[in-house]
Each structure stands twice: as C-alpha cells, then as structure tokens.
Amino acid sequence: AGAWLRHHLTTKVFPAWYGTTWDFN
C-alpha cells in the first residue's frame, strides 16, 4: 500500500497539479 501510494502520488497525482497558478490565498 505504501509503495503504491508513493508511486501514485509522486508520478500521477502531484504532476497533474504542476502548472496550477500559485497564489497565497
């Protein structure tokens, strides 16, 4: 479970958010 989750988050989920505009609020 830990290995799957680590892979899922770092290679699929978080990259989907890359490029989202950052704003403090």
PDBML (XML) file of the C-alpha atoms, coordinates in Angstrom:
<?xml version="1.0" encoding="UTF-8" ?>
<PDBx:datablock datablockName="MODEL"
   xmlns:PDBx="http://pdbml.pdb.org/schema/pdbx-v50.xsd"
   xmlns:xsi="http://www.w3.org/2001/XMLSchema-instance"
   xsi:schemaLocation="http://pdbml.pdb.org/schema/pdbx-v50.xsd pdbx-v50.xsd">
   <PDBx:atom_siteCategory>
      <PDBx:atom_site id="1">
         <PDBx:B_iso_or_equiv>0.00</PDBx:B_iso_or_equiv>
         <PDBx:Cartn_x>0.000</PDBx:Cartn_x>
         <PDBx:Cartn_y>0.000</PDBx:Cartn_y>
         <PDBx:Cartn_z>0.000</PDBx:Cartn_z>
         <PDBx:auth_asym_id>A</PDBx:auth_asym_id>
         <PDBx:auth_atom_id>CA</PDBx:auth_atom_id>
         <PDBx:auth_comp_id>ALA</PDBx:auth_comp_id>
         <PDBx:auth_seq_id>1</PDBx:auth_seq_id>
         <PDBx:group_PDB>ATOM</PDBx:group_PDB>
         <PDBx:label_alt_id xsi:nil="true" />
         <PDBx:label_asym_id>A</PDBx:label_asym_id>
         <PDBx:label_atom_id>CA</PDBx:label_atom_id>
         <PDBx:label_comp_id>ALA</PDBx:label_comp_id>
         <PDBx:label_entity_id>1</PDBx:label_entity_id>
         <PDBx:label_seq_id>1</PDBx:label_seq_id>
         <PDBx:occupancy>1.00</PDBx:occupancy>
         <PDBx:pdbx_PDB_model_num>1</PDBx:pdbx_PDB_model_num>
         <PDBx:type_symbol>C</PDBx:type_symbol>
      </PDBx:atom_site>
      <PDBx:atom_site id="2">
         <PDBx:B_iso_or_equiv>0.00</PDBx:B_iso_or_equiv>
         <PDBx:Cartn_x>2.791</PDBx:Cartn_x>
         <PDBx:Cartn_y>2.418</PDBx:Cartn_y>
         <PDBx:Cartn_z>0.886</PDBx:Cartn_z>
         <PDBx:auth_asym_id>A</PDBx:auth_asym_id>
         <PDBx:auth_atom_id>CA</PDBx:auth_atom_id>
         <PDBx:auth_comp_id>GLY</PDBx:auth_comp_id>
         <PDBx:auth_seq_id>2</PDBx:auth_seq_id>
         <PDBx:group_PDB>ATOM</PDBx:group_PDB>
         <PDBx:label_alt_id xsi:nil="true" />
         <PDBx:label_asym_id>A</PDBx:label_asym_id>
         <PDBx:label_atom_id>CA</PDBx:label_atom_id>
         <PDBx:label_comp_id>GLY</PDBx:label_comp_id>
         <PDBx:label_entity_id>1</PDBx:label_entity_id>
         <PDBx:label_seq_id>2</PDBx:label_seq_id>
         <PDBx:occupancy>1.00</PDBx:occupancy>
         <PDBx:pdbx_PDB_model_num>1</PDBx:pdbx_PDB_model_num>
         <PDBx:type_symbol>C</PDBx:type_symbol>
      </PDBx:atom_site>
      <PDBx:atom_site id="3">
         <PDBx:B_iso_or_equiv>0.00</PDBx:B_iso_or_equiv>
         <PDBx:Cartn_x>4.712</PDBx:Cartn_x>
         <PDBx:Cartn_y>1.703</PDBx:Cartn_y>
         <PDBx:Cartn_z>-2.308</PDBx:Cartn_z>
         <PDBx:auth_asym_id>A</PDBx:auth_asym_id>
         <PDBx:auth_atom_id>CA</PDBx:auth_atom_id>
         <PDBx:auth_comp_id>ALA</PDBx:auth_comp_id>
         <PDBx:auth_seq_id>3</PDBx:auth_seq_id>
         <PDBx:group_PDB>ATOM</PDBx:group_PDB>
         <PDBx:label_alt_id xsi:nil="true" />
         <PDBx:label_asym_id>A</PDBx:label_asym_id>
         <PDBx:label_atom_id>CA</PDBx:label_atom_id>
         <PDBx:label_comp_id>ALA</PDBx:label_comp_id>
         <PDBx:label_entity_id>1</PDBx:label_entity_id>
         <PDBx:label_seq_id>3</PDBx:label_seq_id>
         <PDBx:occupancy>1.00</PDBx:occupancy>
         <PDBx:pdbx_PDB_model_num>1</PDBx:pdbx_PDB_model_num>
         <PDBx:type_symbol>C</PDBx:type_symbol>
      </PDBx:atom_site>
      <PDBx:atom_site id="4">
         <PDBx:B_iso_or_equiv>0.00</PDBx:B_iso_or_equiv>
         <PDBx:Cartn_x>1.601</PDBx:Cartn_x>
         <PDBx:Cartn_y>2.053</PDBx:Cartn_y>
         <PDBx:Cartn_z>-4.455</PDBx:Cartn_z>
         <PDBx:auth_asym_id>A</PDBx:auth_asym_id>
         <PDBx:auth_atom_id>CA</PDBx:auth_atom_id>
         <PDBx:auth_comp_id>TRP</PDBx:auth_comp_id>
         <PDBx:auth_seq_id>4</PDBx:auth_seq_id>
         <PDBx:group_PDB>ATOM</PDBx:group_PDB>
         <PDBx:label_alt_id xsi:nil="true" />
         <PDBx:label_asym_id>A</PDBx:label_asym_id>
         <PDBx:label_atom_id>CA</PDBx:label_atom_id>
         <PDBx:label_comp_id>TRP</PDBx:label_comp_id>
         <PDBx:label_entity_id>1</PDBx:label_entity_id>
         <PDBx:label_seq_id>4</PDBx:label_seq_id>
         <PDBx:occupancy>1.00</PDBx:occupancy>
         <PDBx:pdbx_PDB_model_num>1</PDBx:pdbx_PDB_model_num>
         <PDBx:type_symbol>C</PDBx:type_symbol>
      </PDBx:atom_site>
      <PDBx:atom_site id="5">
         <PDBx:B_iso_or_equiv>0.00</PDBx:B_iso_or_equiv>
         <PDBx:Cartn_x>0.545</PDBx:Cartn_x>
         <PDBx:Cartn_y>5.277</PDBx:Cartn_y>
         <PDBx:Cartn_z>-2.769</PDBx:Cartn_z>
         <PDBx:auth_asym_id>A</PDBx:auth_asym_id>
         <PDBx:auth_atom_id>CA</PDBx:auth_atom_id>
         <PDBx:auth_comp_id>LEU</PDBx:auth_comp_id>
         <PDBx:auth_seq_id>5</PDBx:auth_seq_id>
         <PDBx:group_PDB>ATOM</PDBx:group_PDB>
         <PDBx:label_alt_id xsi:nil="true" />
         <PDBx:label_asym_id>A</PDBx:label_asym_id>
         <PDBx:label_atom_id>CA</PDBx:label_atom_id>
         <PDBx:label_comp_id>LEU</PDBx:label_comp_id>
         <PDBx:label_entity_id>1</PDBx:label_entity_id>
         <PDBx:label_seq_id>5</PDBx:label_seq_id>
         <PDBx:occupancy>1.00</PDBx:occupancy>
         <PDBx:pdbx_PDB_model_num>1</PDBx:pdbx_PDB_model_num>
         <PDBx:type_symbol>C</PDBx:type_symbol>
      </PDBx:atom_site>
      <PDBx:atom_site id="6">
         <PDBx:B_iso_or_equiv>0.00</PDBx:B_iso_or_equiv>
         <PDBx:Cartn_x>4.012</PDBx:Cartn_x>
         <PDBx:Cartn_y>6.812</PDBx:Cartn_y>
         <PDBx:Cartn_z>-3.031</PDBx:Cartn_z>
         <PDBx:auth_asym_id>A</PDBx:auth_asym_id>
         <PDBx:auth_atom_id>CA</PDBx:auth_atom_id>
         <PDBx:auth_comp_id>ARG</PDBx:auth_comp_id>
         <PDBx:auth_seq_id>6</PDBx:auth_seq_id>
         <PDBx:group_PDB>ATOM</PDBx:group_PDB>
         <PDBx:label_alt_id xsi:nil="true" />
         <PDBx:label_asym_id>A</PDBx:label_asym_id>
         <PDBx:label_atom_id>CA</PDBx:label_atom_id>
         <PDBx:label_comp_id>ARG</PDBx:label_comp_id>
         <PDBx:label_entity_id>1</PDBx:label_entity_id>
         <PDBx:label_seq_id>6</PDBx:label_seq_id>
         <PDBx:occupancy>1.00</PDBx:occupancy>
         <PDBx:pdbx_PDB_model_num>1</PDBx:pdbx_PDB_model_num>
         <PDBx:type_symbol>C</PDBx:type_symbol>
      </PDBx:atom_site>
      <PDBx:atom_site id="7">
         <PDBx:B_iso_or_equiv>0.00</PDBx:B_iso_or_equiv>
         <PDBx:Cartn_x>4.155</PDBx:Cartn_x>
         <PDBx:Cartn_y>5.986</PDBx:Cartn_y>
         <PDBx:Cartn_z>-6.747</PDBx:Cartn_z>
         <PDBx:auth_asym_id>A</PDBx:auth_asym_id>
         <PDBx:auth_atom_id>CA</PDBx:auth_atom_id>
         <PDBx:auth_comp_id>HIS</PDBx:auth_comp_id>
         <PDBx:auth_seq_id>7</PDBx:auth_seq_id>
         <PDBx:group_PDB>ATOM</PDBx:group_PDB>
         <PDBx:label_alt_id xsi:nil="true" />
         <PDBx:label_asym_id>A</PDBx:label_asym_id>
         <PDBx:label_atom_id>CA</PDBx:label_atom_id>
         <PDBx:label_comp_id>HIS</PDBx:label_comp_id>
         <PDBx:label_entity_id>1</PDBx:label_entity_id>
         <PDBx:label_seq_id>7</PDBx:label_seq_id>
         <PDBx:occupancy>1.00</PDBx:occupancy>
         <PDBx:pdbx_PDB_model_num>1</PDBx:pdbx_PDB_model_num>
         <PDBx:type_symbol>C</PDBx:type_symbol>
      </PDBx:atom_site>
      <PDBx:atom_site id="8">
         <PDBx:B_iso_or_equiv>0.00</PDBx:B_iso_or_equiv>
         <PDBx:Cartn_x>0.572</PDBx:Cartn_x>
         <PDBx:Cartn_y>7.131</PDBx:Cartn_y>
         <PDBx:Cartn_z>-7.378</PDBx:Cartn_z>
         <PDBx:auth_asym_id>A</PDBx:auth_asym_id>
         <PDBx:auth_atom_id>CA</PDBx:auth_atom_id>
         <PDBx:auth_comp_id>HIS</PDBx:auth_comp_id>
         <PDBx:auth_seq_id>8</PDBx:auth_seq_id>
         <PDBx:group_PDB>ATOM</PDBx:group_PDB>
         <PDBx:label_alt_id xsi:nil="true" />
         <PDBx:label_asym_id>A</PDBx:label_asym_id>
         <PDBx:label_atom_id>CA</PDBx:label_atom_id>
         <PDBx:label_comp_id>HIS</PDBx:label_comp_id>
         <PDBx:label_entity_id>1</PDBx:label_entity_id>
         <PDBx:label_seq_id>8</PDBx:label_seq_id>
         <PDBx:occupancy>1.00</PDBx:occupancy>
         <PDBx:pdbx_PDB_model_num>1</PDBx:pdbx_PDB_model_num>
         <PDBx:type_symbol>C</PDBx:type_symbol>
      </PDBx:atom_site>
      <PDBx:atom_site id="9">
         <PDBx:B_iso_or_equiv>0.00</PDBx:B_iso_or_equiv>
         <PDBx:Cartn_x>1.052</PDBx:Cartn_x>
         <PDBx:Cartn_y>10.483</PDBx:Cartn_y>
         <PDBx:Cartn_z>-5.657</PDBx:Cartn_z>
         <PDBx:auth_asym_id>A</PDBx:auth_asym_id>
         <PDBx:auth_atom_id>CA</PDBx:auth_atom_id>
         <PDBx:auth_comp_id>LEU</PDBx:auth_comp_id>
         <PDBx:auth_seq_id>9</PDBx:auth_seq_id>
         <PDBx:group_PDB>ATOM</PDBx:group_PDB>
         <PDBx:label_alt_id xsi:nil="true" />
         <PDBx:label_asym_id>A</PDBx:label_asym_id>
         <PDBx:label_atom_id>CA</PDBx:label_atom_id>
         <PDBx:label_comp_id>LEU</PDBx:label_comp_id>
         <PDBx:label_entity_id>1</PDBx:label_entity_id>
         <PDBx:label_seq_id>9</PDBx:label_seq_id>
         <PDBx:occupancy>1.00</PDBx:occupancy>
         <PDBx:pdbx_PDB_model_num>1</PDBx:pdbx_PDB_model_num>
         <PDBx:type_symbol>C</PDBx:type_symbol>
      </PDBx:atom_site>
      <PDBx:atom_site id="10">
         <PDBx:B_iso_or_equiv>0.00</PDBx:B_iso_or_equiv>
         <PDBx:Cartn_x>4.515</PDBx:Cartn_x>
         <PDBx:Cartn_y>11.339</PDBx:Cartn_y>
         <PDBx:Cartn_z>-6.957</PDBx:Cartn_z>
         <PDBx:auth_asym_id>A</PDBx:auth_asym_id>
         <PDBx:auth_atom_id>CA</PDBx:auth_atom_id>
         <PDBx:auth_comp_id>THR</PDBx:auth_comp_id>
         <PDBx:auth_seq_id>10</PDBx:auth_seq_id>
         <PDBx:group_PDB>ATOM</PDBx:group_PDB>
         <PDBx:label_alt_id xsi:nil="true" />
         <PDBx:label_asym_id>A</PDBx:label_asym_id>
         <PDBx:label_atom_id>CA</PDBx:label_atom_id>
         <PDBx:label_comp_id>THR</PDBx:label_comp_id>
         <PDBx:label_entity_id>1</PDBx:label_entity_id>
         <PDBx:label_seq_id>10</PDBx:label_seq_id>
         <PDBx:occupancy>1.00</PDBx:occupancy>
         <PDBx:pdbx_PDB_model_num>1</PDBx:pdbx_PDB_model_num>
         <PDBx:type_symbol>C</PDBx:type_symbol>
      </PDBx:atom_site>
      <PDBx:atom_site id="11">
         <PDBx:B_iso_or_equiv>0.00</PDBx:B_iso_or_equiv>
         <PDBx:Cartn_x>4.156</PDBx:Cartn_x>
         <PDBx:Cartn_y>10.208</PDBx:Cartn_y>
         <PDBx:Cartn_z>-10.573</PDBx:Cartn_z>
         <PDBx:auth_asym_id>A</PDBx:auth_asym_id>
         <PDBx:auth_atom_id>CA</PDBx:auth_atom_id>
         <PDBx:auth_comp_id>THR</PDBx:auth_comp_id>
         <PDBx:auth_seq_id>11</PDBx:auth_seq_id>
         <PDBx:group_PDB>ATOM</PDBx:group_PDB>
         <PDBx:label_alt_id xsi:nil="true" />
         <PDBx:label_asym_id>A</PDBx:label_asym_id>
         <PDBx:label_atom_id>CA</PDBx:label_atom_id>
         <PDBx:label_comp_id>THR</PDBx:label_comp_id>
         <PDBx:label_entity_id>1</PDBx:label_entity_id>
         <PDBx:label_seq_id>11</PDBx:label_seq_id>
         <PDBx:occupancy>1.00</PDBx:occupancy>
         <PDBx:pdbx_PDB_model_num>1</PDBx:pdbx_PDB_model_num>
         <PDBx:type_symbol>C</PDBx:type_symbol>
      </PDBx:atom_site>
      <PDBx:atom_site id="12">
         <PDBx:B_iso_or_equiv>0.00</PDBx:B_iso_or_equiv>
         <PDBx:Cartn_x>0.469</PDBx:Cartn_x>
         <PDBx:Cartn_y>10.788</PDBx:Cartn_y>
         <PDBx:Cartn_z>-11.289</PDBx:Cartn_z>
         <PDBx:auth_asym_id>A</PDBx:auth_asym_id>
         <PDBx:auth_atom_id>CA</PDBx:auth_atom_id>
         <PDBx:auth_comp_id>LYS</PDBx:auth_comp_id>
         <PDBx:auth_seq_id>12</PDBx:auth_seq_id>
         <PDBx:group_PDB>ATOM</PDBx:group_PDB>
         <PDBx:label_alt_id xsi:nil="true" />
         <PDBx:label_asym_id>A</PDBx:label_asym_id>
         <PDBx:label_atom_id>CA</PDBx:label_atom_id>
         <PDBx:label_comp_id>LYS</PDBx:label_comp_id>
         <PDBx:label_entity_id>1</PDBx:label_entity_id>
         <PDBx:label_seq_id>12</PDBx:label_seq_id>
         <PDBx:occupancy>1.00</PDBx:occupancy>
         <PDBx:pdbx_PDB_model_num>1</PDBx:pdbx_PDB_model_num>
         <PDBx:type_symbol>C</PDBx:type_symbol>
      </PDBx:atom_site>
      <PDBx:atom_site id="13">
         <PDBx:B_iso_or_equiv>0.00</PDBx:B_iso_or_equiv>
         <PDBx:Cartn_x>-1.372</PDBx:Cartn_x>
         <PDBx:Cartn_y>12.997</PDBx:Cartn_y>
         <PDBx:Cartn_z>-8.797</PDBx:Cartn_z>
         <PDBx:auth_asym_id>A</PDBx:auth_asym_id>
         <PDBx:auth_atom_id>CA</PDBx:auth_atom_id>
         <PDBx:auth_comp_id>VAL</PDBx:auth_comp_id>
         <PDBx:auth_seq_id>13</PDBx:auth_seq_id>
         <PDBx:group_PDB>ATOM</PDBx:group_PDB>
         <PDBx:label_alt_id xsi:nil="true" />
         <PDBx:label_asym_id>A</PDBx:label_asym_id>
         <PDBx:label_atom_id>CA</PDBx:label_atom_id>
         <PDBx:label_comp_id>VAL</PDBx:label_comp_id>
         <PDBx:label_entity_id>1</PDBx:label_entity_id>
         <PDBx:label_seq_id>13</PDBx:label_seq_id>
         <PDBx:occupancy>1.00</PDBx:occupancy>
         <PDBx:pdbx_PDB_model_num>1</PDBx:pdbx_PDB_model_num>
         <PDBx:type_symbol>C</PDBx:type_symbol>
      </PDBx:atom_site>
      <PDBx:atom_site id="14">
         <PDBx:B_iso_or_equiv>0.00</PDBx:B_iso_or_equiv>
         <PDBx:Cartn_x>1.078</PDBx:Cartn_x>
         <PDBx:Cartn_y>15.775</PDBx:Cartn_y>
         <PDBx:Cartn_z>-7.938</PDBx:Cartn_z>
         <PDBx:auth_asym_id>A</PDBx:auth_asym_id>
         <PDBx:auth_atom_id>CA</PDBx:auth_atom_id>
         <PDBx:auth_comp_id>PHE</PDBx:auth_comp_id>
         <PDBx:auth_seq_id>14</PDBx:auth_seq_id>
         <PDBx:group_PDB>ATOM</PDBx:group_PDB>
         <PDBx:label_alt_id xsi:nil="true" />
         <PDBx:label_asym_id>A</PDBx:label_asym_id>
         <PDBx:label_atom_id>CA</PDBx:label_atom_id>
         <PDBx:label_comp_id>PHE</PDBx:label_comp_id>
         <PDBx:label_entity_id>1</PDBx:label_entity_id>
         <PDBx:label_seq_id>14</PDBx:label_seq_id>
         <PDBx:occupancy>1.00</PDBx:occupancy>
         <PDBx:pdbx_PDB_model_num>1</PDBx:pdbx_PDB_model_num>
         <PDBx:type_symbol>C</PDBx:type_symbol>
      </PDBx:atom_site>
      <PDBx:atom_site id="15">
         <PDBx:B_iso_or_equiv>0.00</PDBx:B_iso_or_equiv>
         <PDBx:Cartn_x>2.232</PDBx:Cartn_x>
         <PDBx:Cartn_y>16.191</PDBx:Cartn_y>
         <PDBx:Cartn_z>-11.567</PDBx:Cartn_z>
         <PDBx:auth_asym_id>A</PDBx:auth_asym_id>
         <PDBx:auth_atom_id>CA</PDBx:auth_atom_id>
         <PDBx:auth_comp_id>PRO</PDBx:auth_comp_id>
         <PDBx:auth_seq_id>15</PDBx:auth_seq_id>
         <PDBx:group_PDB>ATOM</PDBx:group_PDB>
         <PDBx:label_alt_id xsi:nil="true" />
         <PDBx:label_asym_id>A</PDBx:label_asym_id>
         <PDBx:label_atom_id>CA</PDBx:label_atom_id>
         <PDBx:label_comp_id>PRO</PDBx:label_comp_id>
         <PDBx:label_entity_id>1</PDBx:label_entity_id>
         <PDBx:label_seq_id>15</PDBx:label_seq_id>
         <PDBx:occupancy>1.00</PDBx:occupancy>
         <PDBx:pdbx_PDB_model_num>1</PDBx:pdbx_PDB_model_num>
         <PDBx:type_symbol>C</PDBx:type_symbol>
      </PDBx:atom_site>
      <PDBx:atom_site id="16">
         <PDBx:B_iso_or_equiv>0.00</PDBx:B_iso_or_equiv>
         <PDBx:Cartn_x>-1.402</PDBx:Cartn_x>
         <PDBx:Cartn_y>16.867</PDBx:Cartn_y>
         <PDBx:Cartn_z>-12.511</PDBx:Cartn_z>
         <PDBx:auth_asym_id>A</PDBx:auth_asym_id>
         <PDBx:auth_atom_id>CA</PDBx:auth_atom_id>
         <PDBx:auth_comp_id>ALA</PDBx:auth_comp_id>
         <PDBx:auth_seq_id>16</PDBx:auth_seq_id>
         <PDBx:group_PDB>ATOM</PDBx:group_PDB>
         <PDBx:label_alt_id xsi:nil="true" />
         <PDBx:label_asym_id>A</PDBx:label_asym_id>
         <PDBx:label_atom_id>CA</PDBx:label_atom_id>
         <PDBx:label_comp_id>ALA</PDBx:label_comp_id>
         <PDBx:label_entity_id>1</PDBx:label_entity_id>
         <PDBx:label_seq_id>16</PDBx:label_seq_id>
         <PDBx:occupancy>1.00</PDBx:occupancy>
         <PDBx:pdbx_PDB_model_num>1</PDBx:pdbx_PDB_model_num>
         <PDBx:type_symbol>C</PDBx:type_symbol>
      </PDBx:atom_site>
      <PDBx:atom_site id="17">
         <PDBx:B_iso_or_equiv>0.00</PDBx:B_iso_or_equiv>
         <PDBx:Cartn_x>-1.197</PDBx:Cartn_x>
         <PDBx:Cartn_y>19.965</PDBx:Cartn_y>
         <PDBx:Cartn_z>-10.312</PDBx:Cartn_z>
         <PDBx:auth_asym_id>A</PDBx:auth_asym_id>
         <PDBx:auth_atom_id>CA</PDBx:auth_atom_id>
         <PDBx:auth_comp_id>TRP</PDBx:auth_comp_id>
         <PDBx:auth_seq_id>17</PDBx:auth_seq_id>
         <PDBx:group_PDB>ATOM</PDBx:group_PDB>
         <PDBx:label_alt_id xsi:nil="true" />
         <PDBx:label_asym_id>A</PDBx:label_asym_id>
         <PDBx:label_atom_id>CA</PDBx:label_atom_id>
         <PDBx:label_comp_id>TRP</PDBx:label_comp_id>
         <PDBx:label_entity_id>1</PDBx:label_entity_id>
         <PDBx:label_seq_id>17</PDBx:label_seq_id>
         <PDBx:occupancy>1.00</PDBx:occupancy>
         <PDBx:pdbx_PDB_model_num>1</PDBx:pdbx_PDB_model_num>
         <PDBx:type_symbol>C</PDBx:type_symbol>
      </PDBx:atom_site>
      <PDBx:atom_site id="18">
         <PDBx:B_iso_or_equiv>0.00</PDBx:B_iso_or_equiv>
         <PDBx:Cartn_x>2.074</PDBx:Cartn_x>
         <PDBx:Cartn_y>21.253</PDBx:Cartn_y>
         <PDBx:Cartn_z>-11.790</PDBx:Cartn_z>
         <PDBx:auth_asym_id>A</PDBx:auth_asym_id>
         <PDBx:auth_atom_id>CA</PDBx:auth_atom_id>
         <PDBx:auth_comp_id>TYR</PDBx:auth_comp_id>
         <PDBx:auth_seq_id>18</PDBx:auth_seq_id>
         <PDBx:group_PDB>ATOM</PDBx:group_PDB>
         <PDBx:label_alt_id xsi:nil="true" />
         <PDBx:label_asym_id>A</PDBx:label_asym_id>
         <PDBx:label_atom_id>CA</PDBx:label_atom_id>
         <PDBx:label_comp_id>TYR</PDBx:label_comp_id>
         <PDBx:label_entity_id>1</PDBx:label_entity_id>
         <PDBx:label_seq_id>18</PDBx:label_seq_id>
         <PDBx:occupancy>1.00</PDBx:occupancy>
         <PDBx:pdbx_PDB_model_num>1</PDBx:pdbx_PDB_model_num>
         <PDBx:type_symbol>C</PDBx:type_symbol>
      </PDBx:atom_site>
      <PDBx:atom_site id="19">
         <PDBx:B_iso_or_equiv>0.00</PDBx:B_iso_or_equiv>
         <PDBx:Cartn_x>1.358</PDBx:Cartn_x>
         <PDBx:Cartn_y>24.444</PDBx:Cartn_y>
         <PDBx:Cartn_z>-13.659</PDBx:Cartn_z>
         <PDBx:auth_asym_id>A</PDBx:auth_asym_id>
         <PDBx:auth_atom_id>CA</PDBx:auth_atom_id>
         <PDBx:auth_comp_id>GLY</PDBx:auth_comp_id>
         <PDBx:auth_seq_id>19</PDBx:auth_seq_id>
         <PDBx:group_PDB>ATOM</PDBx:group_PDB>
         <PDBx:label_alt_id xsi:nil="true" />
         <PDBx:label_asym_id>A</PDBx:label_asym_id>
         <PDBx:label_atom_id>CA</PDBx:label_atom_id>
         <PDBx:label_comp_id>GLY</PDBx:label_comp_id>
         <PDBx:label_entity_id>1</PDBx:label_entity_id>
         <PDBx:label_seq_id>19</PDBx:label_seq_id>
         <PDBx:occupancy>1.00</PDBx:occupancy>
         <PDBx:pdbx_PDB_model_num>1</PDBx:pdbx_PDB_model_num>
         <PDBx:type_symbol>C</PDBx:type_symbol>
      </PDBx:atom_site>
      <PDBx:atom_site id="20">
         <PDBx:B_iso_or_equiv>0.00</PDBx:B_iso_or_equiv>
         <PDBx:Cartn_x>-1.549</PDBx:Cartn_x>
         <PDBx:Cartn_y>25.467</PDBx:Cartn_y>
         <PDBx:Cartn_z>-11.419</PDBx:Cartn_z>
         <PDBx:auth_asym_id>A</PDBx:auth_asym_id>
         <PDBx:auth_atom_id>CA</PDBx:auth_atom_id>
         <PDBx:auth_comp_id>THR</PDBx:auth_comp_id>
         <PDBx:auth_seq_id>20</PDBx:auth_seq_id>
         <PDBx:group_PDB>ATOM</PDBx:group_PDB>
         <PDBx:label_alt_id xsi:nil="true" />
         <PDBx:label_asym_id>A</PDBx:label_asym_id>
         <PDBx:label_atom_id>CA</PDBx:label_atom_id>
         <PDBx:label_comp_id>THR</PDBx:label_comp_id>
         <PDBx:label_entity_id>1</PDBx:label_entity_id>
         <PDBx:label_seq_id>20</PDBx:label_seq_id>
         <PDBx:occupancy>1.00</PDBx:occupancy>
         <PDBx:pdbx_PDB_model_num>1</PDBx:pdbx_PDB_model_num>
         <PDBx:type_symbol>C</PDBx:type_symbol>
      </PDBx:atom_site>
      <PDBx:atom_site id="21">
         <PDBx:B_iso_or_equiv>0.00</PDBx:B_iso_or_equiv>
         <PDBx:Cartn_x>-1.158</PDBx:Cartn_x>
         <PDBx:Cartn_y>29.178</PDBx:Cartn_y>
         <PDBx:Cartn_z>-10.736</PDBx:Cartn_z>
         <PDBx:auth_asym_id>A</PDBx:auth_asym_id>
         <PDBx:auth_atom_id>CA</PDBx:auth_atom_id>
         <PDBx:auth_comp_id>THR</PDBx:auth_comp_id>
         <PDBx:auth_seq_id>21</PDBx:auth_seq_id>
         <PDBx:group_PDB>ATOM</PDBx:group_PDB>
         <PDBx:label_alt_id xsi:nil="true" />
         <PDBx:label_asym_id>A</PDBx:label_asym_id>
         <PDBx:label_atom_id>CA</PDBx:label_atom_id>
         <PDBx:label_comp_id>THR</PDBx:label_comp_id>
         <PDBx:label_entity_id>1</PDBx:label_entity_id>
         <PDBx:label_seq_id>21</PDBx:label_seq_id>
         <PDBx:occupancy>1.00</PDBx:occupancy>
         <PDBx:pdbx_PDB_model_num>1</PDBx:pdbx_PDB_model_num>
         <PDBx:type_symbol>C</PDBx:type_symbol>
      </PDBx:atom_site>
      <PDBx:atom_site id="22">
         <PDBx:B_iso_or_equiv>0.00</PDBx:B_iso_or_equiv>
         <PDBx:Cartn_x>0.198</PDBx:Cartn_x>
         <PDBx:Cartn_y>29.838</PDBx:Cartn_y>
         <PDBx:Cartn_z>-7.251</PDBx:Cartn_z>
         <PDBx:auth_asym_id>A</PDBx:auth_asym_id>
         <PDBx:auth_atom_id>CA</PDBx:auth_atom_id>
         <PDBx:auth_comp_id>TRP</PDBx:auth_comp_id>
         <PDBx:auth_seq_id>22</PDBx:auth_seq_id>
         <PDBx:group_PDB>ATOM</PDBx:group_PDB>
         <PDBx:label_alt_id xsi:nil="true" />
         <PDBx:label_asym_id>A</PDBx:label_asym_id>
         <PDBx:label_atom_id>CA</PDBx:label_atom_id>
         <PDBx:label_comp_id>TRP</PDBx:label_comp_id>
         <PDBx:label_entity_id>1</PDBx:label_entity_id>
         <PDBx:label_seq_id>22</PDBx:label_seq_id>
         <PDBx:occupancy>1.00</PDBx:occupancy>
         <PDBx:pdbx_PDB_model_num>1</PDBx:pdbx_PDB_model_num>
         <PDBx:type_symbol>C</PDBx:type_symbol>
      </PDBx:atom_site>
      <PDBx:atom_site id="23">
         <PDBx:B_iso_or_equiv>0.00</PDBx:B_iso_or_equiv>
         <PDBx:Cartn_x>-1.413</PDBx:Cartn_x>
         <PDBx:Cartn_y>32.461</PDBx:Cartn_y>
         <PDBx:Cartn_z>-5.030</PDBx:Cartn_z>
         <PDBx:auth_asym_id>A</PDBx:auth_asym_id>
         <PDBx:auth_atom_id>CA</PDBx:auth_atom_id>
         <PDBx:auth_comp_id>ASP</PDBx:auth_comp_id>
         <PDBx:auth_seq_id>23</PDBx:auth_seq_id>
         <PDBx:group_PDB>ATOM</PDBx:group_PDB>
         <PDBx:label_alt_id xsi:nil="true" />
         <PDBx:label_asym_id>A</PDBx:label_asym_id>
         <PDBx:label_atom_id>CA</PDBx:label_atom_id>
         <PDBx:label_comp_id>ASP</PDBx:label_comp_id>
         <PDBx:label_entity_id>1</PDBx:label_entity_id>
         <PDBx:label_seq_id>23</PDBx:label_seq_id>
         <PDBx:occupancy>1.00</PDBx:occupancy>
         <PDBx:pdbx_PDB_model_num>1</PDBx:pdbx_PDB_model_num>
         <PDBx:type_symbol>C</PDBx:type_symbol>
      </PDBx:atom_site>
      <PDBx:atom_site id="24">
         <PDBx:B_iso_or_equiv>0.00</PDBx:B_iso_or_equiv>
         <PDBx:Cartn_x>-1.009</PDBx:Cartn_x>
         <PDBx:Cartn_y>32.948</PDBx:Cartn_y>
         <PDBx:Cartn_z>-1.277</PDBx:Cartn_z>
         <PDBx:auth_asym_id>A</PDBx:auth_asym_id>
         <PDBx:auth_atom_id>CA</PDBx:auth_atom_id>
         <PDBx:auth_comp_id>PHE</PDBx:auth_comp_id>
         <PDBx:auth_seq_id>24</PDBx:auth_seq_id>
         <PDBx:group_PDB>ATOM</PDBx:group_PDB>
         <PDBx:label_alt_id xsi:nil="true" />
         <PDBx:label_asym_id>A</PDBx:label_asym_id>
         <PDBx:label_atom_id>CA</PDBx:label_atom_id>
         <PDBx:label_comp_id>PHE</PDBx:label_comp_id>
         <PDBx:label_entity_id>1</PDBx:label_entity_id>
         <PDBx:label_seq_id>24</PDBx:label_seq_id>
         <PDBx:occupancy>1.00</PDBx:occupancy>
         <PDBx:pdbx_PDB_model_num>1</PDBx:pdbx_PDB_model_num>
         <PDBx:type_symbol>C</PDBx:type_symbol>
      </PDBx:atom_site>
      <PDBx:atom_site id="25">
         <PDBx:B_iso_or_equiv>0.00</PDBx:B_iso_or_equiv>
         <PDBx:Cartn_x>-4.825</PDBx:Cartn_x>
         <PDBx:Cartn_y>32.836</PDBx:Cartn_y>
         <PDBx:Cartn_z>-0.909</PDBx:Cartn_z>
         <PDBx:auth_asym_id>A</PDBx:auth_asym_id>
         <PDBx:auth_atom_id>CA</PDBx:auth_atom_id>
         <PDBx:auth_comp_id>ASN</PDBx:auth_comp_id>
         <PDBx:auth_seq_id>25</PDBx:auth_seq_id>
         <PDBx:group_PDB>ATOM</PDBx:group_PDB>
         <PDBx:label_alt_id xsi:nil="true" />
         <PDBx:label_asym_id>A</PDBx:label_asym_id>
         <PDBx:label_atom_id>CA</PDBx:label_atom_id>
         <PDBx:label_comp_id>ASN</PDBx:label_comp_id>
         <PDBx:label_entity_id>1</PDBx:label_entity_id>
         <PDBx:label_seq_id>25</PDBx:label_seq_id>
         <PDBx:occupancy>1.00</PDBx:occupancy>
         <PDBx:pdbx_PDB_model_num>1</PDBx:pdbx_PDB_model_num>
         <PDBx:type_symbol>C</PDBx:type_symbol>
      </PDBx:atom_site>
   </PDBx:atom_siteCategory>
</PDBx:datablock>
